[in-house]
Amino acid sequence: MNLKQFIWIGKAEGISSLLLFFIAMPLKYLAGMPEAVSAVGMAHGVLFLAYLGSALLNGFERKWKFTSFLLLALASILPGGPLYLDPVVLKREGEAV
């Protein structure tokens, strides 16, 4: 898998989680608009799985440390995590970003 694709997926996943937690969920619970979570939640779910899959593929292909993958997995569950942890992990692995 291409590293640029991984970075793009990470950015999209991070943005989708921020949208889900800070826009769609408040709309659902405060404004009674559950459709916001349905749409954004589905997109975030797909991006979450794509992010973890691409992290695994890149990790195996590029022989990243296991702890780097654990940091990327942690990033995927934090709202916006890939936006700030991906560059740290990729720099640690010596990848040109």
N, C-alpha and C. Protein backbone atom coordinates (compact mmCIF):
# COMPACT_ATOMS: atom_id res chain seq x y z
N MET A 1 0.85 -1.19 0.00
CA MET A 1 0.00 0.00 0.00
C MET A 1 0.88 1.23 0.00
N ASN A 2 0.44 2.22 -0.69
CA ASN A 2 1.15 3.48 -0.81
C ASN A 2 1.08 4.27 0.50
N LEU A 3 2.19 4.86 0.93
CA LEU A 3 2.23 5.64 2.16
C LEU A 3 1.35 6.89 2.05
N LYS A 4 1.29 7.49 0.88
CA LYS A 4 0.44 8.67 0.69
C LYS A 4 -1.04 8.33 0.90
N GLN A 5 -1.44 7.14 0.45
CA GLN A 5 -2.82 6.70 0.68
C GLN A 5 -3.09 6.54 2.17
N PHE A 6 -2.13 5.96 2.89
CA PHE A 6 -2.28 5.79 4.33
C PHE A 6 -2.44 7.14 5.02
N ILE A 7 -1.63 8.11 4.64
CA ILE A 7 -1.71 9.44 5.25
C ILE A 7 -3.06 10.08 4.93
N TRP A 8 -3.53 9.95 3.69
CA TRP A 8 -4.83 10.51 3.31
C TRP A 8 -5.96 9.85 4.12
N ILE A 9 -5.91 8.53 4.23
CA ILE A 9 -6.94 7.81 5.00
C ILE A 9 -6.90 8.25 6.46
N GLY A 10 -5.70 8.43 7.01
CA GLY A 10 -5.57 8.88 8.39
C GLY A 10 -6.18 10.26 8.61
N LYS A 11 -5.93 11.17 7.69
CA LYS A 11 -6.52 12.50 7.80
C LYS A 11 -8.04 12.45 7.70
N ALA A 12 -8.54 11.67 6.76
CA ALA A 12 -9.99 11.54 6.58
C ALA A 12 -10.63 10.89 7.82
N GLU A 13 -9.97 9.88 8.37
CA GLU A 13 -10.50 9.21 9.57
C GLU A 13 -10.51 10.16 10.75
N GLY A 14 -9.44 10.92 10.91
CA GLY A 14 -9.37 11.88 12.02
C GLY A 14 -10.45 12.95 11.91
N ILE A 15 -10.64 13.47 10.72
CA ILE A 15 -11.68 14.49 10.52
C ILE A 15 -13.06 13.89 10.73
N SER A 16 -13.28 12.67 10.25
CA SER A 16 -14.61 12.05 10.41
C SER A 16 -14.92 11.81 11.89
N SER A 17 -13.92 11.45 12.69
CA SER A 17 -14.20 11.24 14.12
C SER A 17 -14.52 12.56 14.80
N LEU A 18 -13.83 13.64 14.43
CA LEU A 18 -14.15 14.95 15.00
C LEU A 18 -15.56 15.38 14.61
N LEU A 19 -15.92 15.16 13.35
CA LEU A 19 -17.28 15.48 12.91
C LEU A 19 -18.32 14.67 13.67
N LEU A 20 -18.03 13.38 13.86
CA LEU A 20 -18.97 12.51 14.55
C LEU A 20 -19.17 12.94 16.01
N PHE A 21 -18.07 13.12 16.72
CA PHE A 21 -18.17 13.40 18.16
C PHE A 21 -18.60 14.83 18.48
N PHE A 22 -18.19 15.79 17.65
CA PHE A 22 -18.43 17.18 18.02
C PHE A 22 -19.50 17.89 17.20
N ILE A 23 -20.01 17.24 16.16
CA ILE A 23 -21.10 17.86 15.39
C ILE A 23 -22.29 16.91 15.31
N ALA A 24 -22.08 15.68 14.80
CA ALA A 24 -23.21 14.78 14.58
C ALA A 24 -23.86 14.31 15.89
N MET A 25 -23.05 13.94 16.87
CA MET A 25 -23.64 13.46 18.13
C MET A 25 -24.37 14.57 18.89
N PRO A 26 -23.81 15.78 18.98
CA PRO A 26 -24.60 16.85 19.60
C PRO A 26 -25.90 17.14 18.84
N LEU A 27 -25.84 17.06 17.49
CA LEU A 27 -27.08 17.25 16.73
C LEU A 27 -28.11 16.18 17.08
N LYS A 28 -27.64 14.95 17.26
CA LYS A 28 -28.56 13.86 17.59
C LYS A 28 -29.19 14.08 18.97
N TYR A 29 -28.36 14.35 19.95
CA TYR A 29 -28.85 14.39 21.33
C TYR A 29 -29.40 15.75 21.75
N LEU A 30 -28.93 16.81 21.16
CA LEU A 30 -29.42 18.13 21.57
C LEU A 30 -30.47 18.70 20.63
N ALA A 31 -30.43 18.31 19.36
CA ALA A 31 -31.37 18.86 18.39
C ALA A 31 -32.33 17.81 17.84
N GLY A 32 -32.20 16.56 18.30
CA GLY A 32 -33.12 15.52 17.85
C GLY A 32 -32.96 15.15 16.39
N MET A 33 -31.74 15.15 15.89
CA MET A 33 -31.48 14.83 14.49
C MET A 33 -30.62 13.56 14.40
N PRO A 34 -31.21 12.38 14.58
CA PRO A 34 -30.42 11.14 14.55
C PRO A 34 -29.82 10.81 13.18
N GLU A 35 -30.37 11.41 12.13
CA GLU A 35 -29.81 11.11 10.80
C GLU A 35 -28.38 11.60 10.65
N ALA A 36 -27.98 12.60 11.41
CA ALA A 36 -26.60 13.11 11.34
C ALA A 36 -25.62 12.02 11.74
N VAL A 37 -25.95 11.30 12.80
CA VAL A 37 -25.06 10.22 13.27
C VAL A 37 -25.08 9.06 12.29
N SER A 38 -26.20 8.78 11.68
CA SER A 38 -26.27 7.69 10.71
C SER A 38 -25.33 7.92 9.55
N ALA A 39 -25.35 9.10 8.98
CA ALA A 39 -24.52 9.39 7.81
C ALA A 39 -23.05 9.49 8.18
N VAL A 40 -22.73 10.31 9.16
CA VAL A 40 -21.33 10.51 9.55
C VAL A 40 -20.77 9.25 10.20
N GLY A 41 -21.59 8.55 10.97
CA GLY A 41 -21.15 7.33 11.64
C GLY A 41 -20.77 6.24 10.65
N MET A 42 -21.53 6.08 9.60
CA MET A 42 -21.20 5.08 8.58
C MET A 42 -19.88 5.41 7.89
N ALA A 43 -19.72 6.67 7.50
CA ALA A 43 -18.47 7.09 6.86
C ALA A 43 -17.29 6.89 7.80
N HIS A 44 -17.46 7.26 9.06
CA HIS A 44 -16.38 7.09 10.03
C HIS A 44 -16.05 5.61 10.23
N GLY A 45 -17.04 4.76 10.28
CA GLY A 45 -16.80 3.33 10.44
C GLY A 45 -15.99 2.74 9.30
N VAL A 46 -16.34 3.11 8.10
CA VAL A 46 -15.59 2.64 6.92
C VAL A 46 -14.16 3.16 6.96
N LEU A 47 -14.00 4.45 7.27
CA LEU A 47 -12.66 5.03 7.33
C LEU A 47 -11.83 4.45 8.46
N PHE A 48 -12.46 4.15 9.59
CA PHE A 48 -11.78 3.53 10.73
C PHE A 48 -11.19 2.18 10.32
N LEU A 49 -12.00 1.36 9.68
CA LEU A 49 -11.52 0.05 9.24
C LEU A 49 -10.44 0.17 8.16
N ALA A 50 -10.61 1.11 7.24
CA ALA A 50 -9.61 1.33 6.20
C ALA A 50 -8.29 1.80 6.81
N TYR A 51 -8.38 2.65 7.83
CA TYR A 51 -7.18 3.16 8.50
C TYR A 51 -6.42 2.03 9.19
N LEU A 52 -7.13 1.22 9.95
CA LEU A 52 -6.46 0.10 10.64
C LEU A 52 -5.88 -0.89 9.63
N GLY A 53 -6.63 -1.17 8.58
CA GLY A 53 -6.13 -2.08 7.55
C GLY A 53 -4.90 -1.54 6.84
N SER A 54 -4.92 -0.27 6.50
CA SER A 54 -3.77 0.31 5.82
C SER A 54 -2.58 0.45 6.76
N ALA A 55 -2.83 0.66 8.05
CA ALA A 55 -1.73 0.69 9.02
C ALA A 55 -1.07 -0.69 9.10
N LEU A 56 -1.90 -1.73 9.13
CA LEU A 56 -1.35 -3.10 9.15
C LEU A 56 -0.55 -3.41 7.89
N LEU A 57 -1.13 -3.10 6.74
CA LEU A 57 -0.43 -3.37 5.48
C LEU A 57 0.89 -2.62 5.38
N ASN A 58 0.86 -1.32 5.69
CA ASN A 58 2.09 -0.54 5.64
C ASN A 58 3.09 -1.02 6.67
N GLY A 59 2.60 -1.39 7.84
CA GLY A 59 3.49 -1.88 8.89
C GLY A 59 4.23 -3.14 8.48
N PHE A 60 3.52 -4.07 7.86
CA PHE A 60 4.16 -5.30 7.41
C PHE A 60 5.10 -5.05 6.23
N GLU A 61 4.66 -4.26 5.27
CA GLU A 61 5.48 -3.99 4.09
C GLU A 61 6.74 -3.22 4.42
N ARG A 62 6.64 -2.27 5.36
CA ARG A 62 7.76 -1.40 5.68
C ARG A 62 8.50 -1.82 6.94
N LYS A 63 8.08 -2.93 7.54
CA LYS A 63 8.72 -3.49 8.73
C LYS A 63 8.79 -2.48 9.88
N TRP A 64 7.62 -1.87 10.16
CA TRP A 64 7.52 -0.95 11.29
C TRP A 64 7.58 -1.74 12.59
N LYS A 65 7.99 -1.07 13.66
CA LYS A 65 7.98 -1.67 14.99
C LYS A 65 6.53 -1.94 15.41
N PHE A 66 6.35 -2.97 16.22
CA PHE A 66 5.01 -3.31 16.69
C PHE A 66 4.44 -2.16 17.53
N THR A 67 5.30 -1.51 18.31
CA THR A 67 4.83 -0.39 19.13
C THR A 67 4.31 0.76 18.27
N SER A 68 4.86 0.91 17.08
CA SER A 68 4.35 1.94 16.17
C SER A 68 2.93 1.61 15.75
N PHE A 69 2.68 0.34 15.43
CA PHE A 69 1.30 -0.03 15.08
C PHE A 69 0.37 0.19 16.27
N LEU A 70 0.82 -0.12 17.49
CA LEU A 70 -0.02 0.10 18.66
C LEU A 70 -0.35 1.59 18.83
N LEU A 71 0.62 2.45 18.58
CA LEU A 71 0.36 3.89 18.64
C LEU A 71 -0.65 4.32 17.58
N LEU A 72 -0.54 3.75 16.39
CA LEU A 72 -1.50 4.07 15.33
C LEU A 72 -2.89 3.55 15.69
N ALA A 73 -2.96 2.38 16.30
CA ALA A 73 -4.25 1.85 16.74
C ALA A 73 -4.85 2.74 17.82
N LEU A 74 -4.02 3.23 18.73
CA LEU A 74 -4.49 4.16 19.75
C LEU A 74 -4.99 5.45 19.10
N ALA A 75 -4.25 5.91 18.11
CA ALA A 75 -4.66 7.13 17.40
C ALA A 75 -6.03 6.97 16.78
N SER A 76 -6.33 5.78 16.30
CA SER A 76 -7.60 5.57 15.61
C SER A 76 -8.80 5.64 16.54
N ILE A 77 -8.60 5.47 17.84
CA ILE A 77 -9.74 5.53 18.76
C ILE A 77 -9.86 6.88 19.46
N LEU A 78 -8.88 7.75 19.29
CA LEU A 78 -8.96 9.09 19.84
C LEU A 78 -9.59 10.02 18.81
N PRO A 79 -10.49 10.90 19.22
CA PRO A 79 -11.05 11.85 18.25
C PRO A 79 -9.95 12.71 17.63
N GLY A 80 -9.79 12.59 16.33
CA GLY A 80 -8.75 13.33 15.61
C GLY A 80 -7.35 12.78 15.81
N GLY A 81 -7.23 11.63 16.43
CA GLY A 81 -5.94 11.05 16.76
C GLY A 81 -4.96 10.93 15.60
N PRO A 82 -5.37 10.41 14.46
CA PRO A 82 -4.42 10.30 13.35
C PRO A 82 -3.86 11.64 12.88
N LEU A 83 -4.60 12.71 13.11
CA LEU A 83 -4.12 14.02 12.66
C LEU A 83 -2.86 14.44 13.40
N TYR A 84 -2.73 14.04 14.67
CA TYR A 84 -1.53 14.45 15.40
C TYR A 84 -0.58 13.30 15.71
N LEU A 85 -1.02 12.06 15.72
CA LEU A 85 -0.11 10.95 16.01
C LEU A 85 0.55 10.35 14.77
N ASP A 86 -0.10 10.40 13.63
CA ASP A 86 0.51 9.84 12.41
C ASP A 86 1.87 10.45 12.10
N PRO A 87 1.99 11.79 12.08
CA PRO A 87 3.31 12.36 11.78
C PRO A 87 4.38 11.95 12.79
N VAL A 88 3.99 11.81 14.05
CA VAL A 88 4.94 11.41 15.10
C VAL A 88 5.44 9.99 14.84
N VAL A 89 4.52 9.08 14.56
CA VAL A 89 4.89 7.68 14.33
C VAL A 89 5.69 7.54 13.04
N LEU A 90 5.27 8.22 11.99
CA LEU A 90 5.99 8.10 10.71
C LEU A 90 7.39 8.68 10.82
N LYS A 91 7.56 9.75 11.56
CA LYS A 91 8.90 10.30 11.77
C LYS A 91 9.76 9.33 12.58
N ARG A 92 9.14 8.70 13.58
CA ARG A 92 9.83 7.70 14.41
C ARG A 92 10.31 6.52 13.57
N GLU A 93 9.52 6.17 12.55
CA GLU A 93 9.87 5.05 11.67
C GLU A 93 10.79 5.46 10.54
N GLY A 94 11.13 6.74 10.47
CA GLY A 94 12.04 7.21 9.43
C GLY A 94 11.40 7.37 8.07
N GLU A 95 10.07 7.50 8.04
CA GLU A 95 9.35 7.68 6.78
C GLU A 95 9.31 9.16 6.42
N ALA A 96 9.53 9.45 5.16
CA ALA A 96 9.43 10.84 4.68
C ALA A 96 7.97 11.18 4.49
N VAL A 97 7.54 12.20 5.17
CA VAL A 97 6.14 12.61 5.10
C VAL A 97 6.00 13.86 4.28
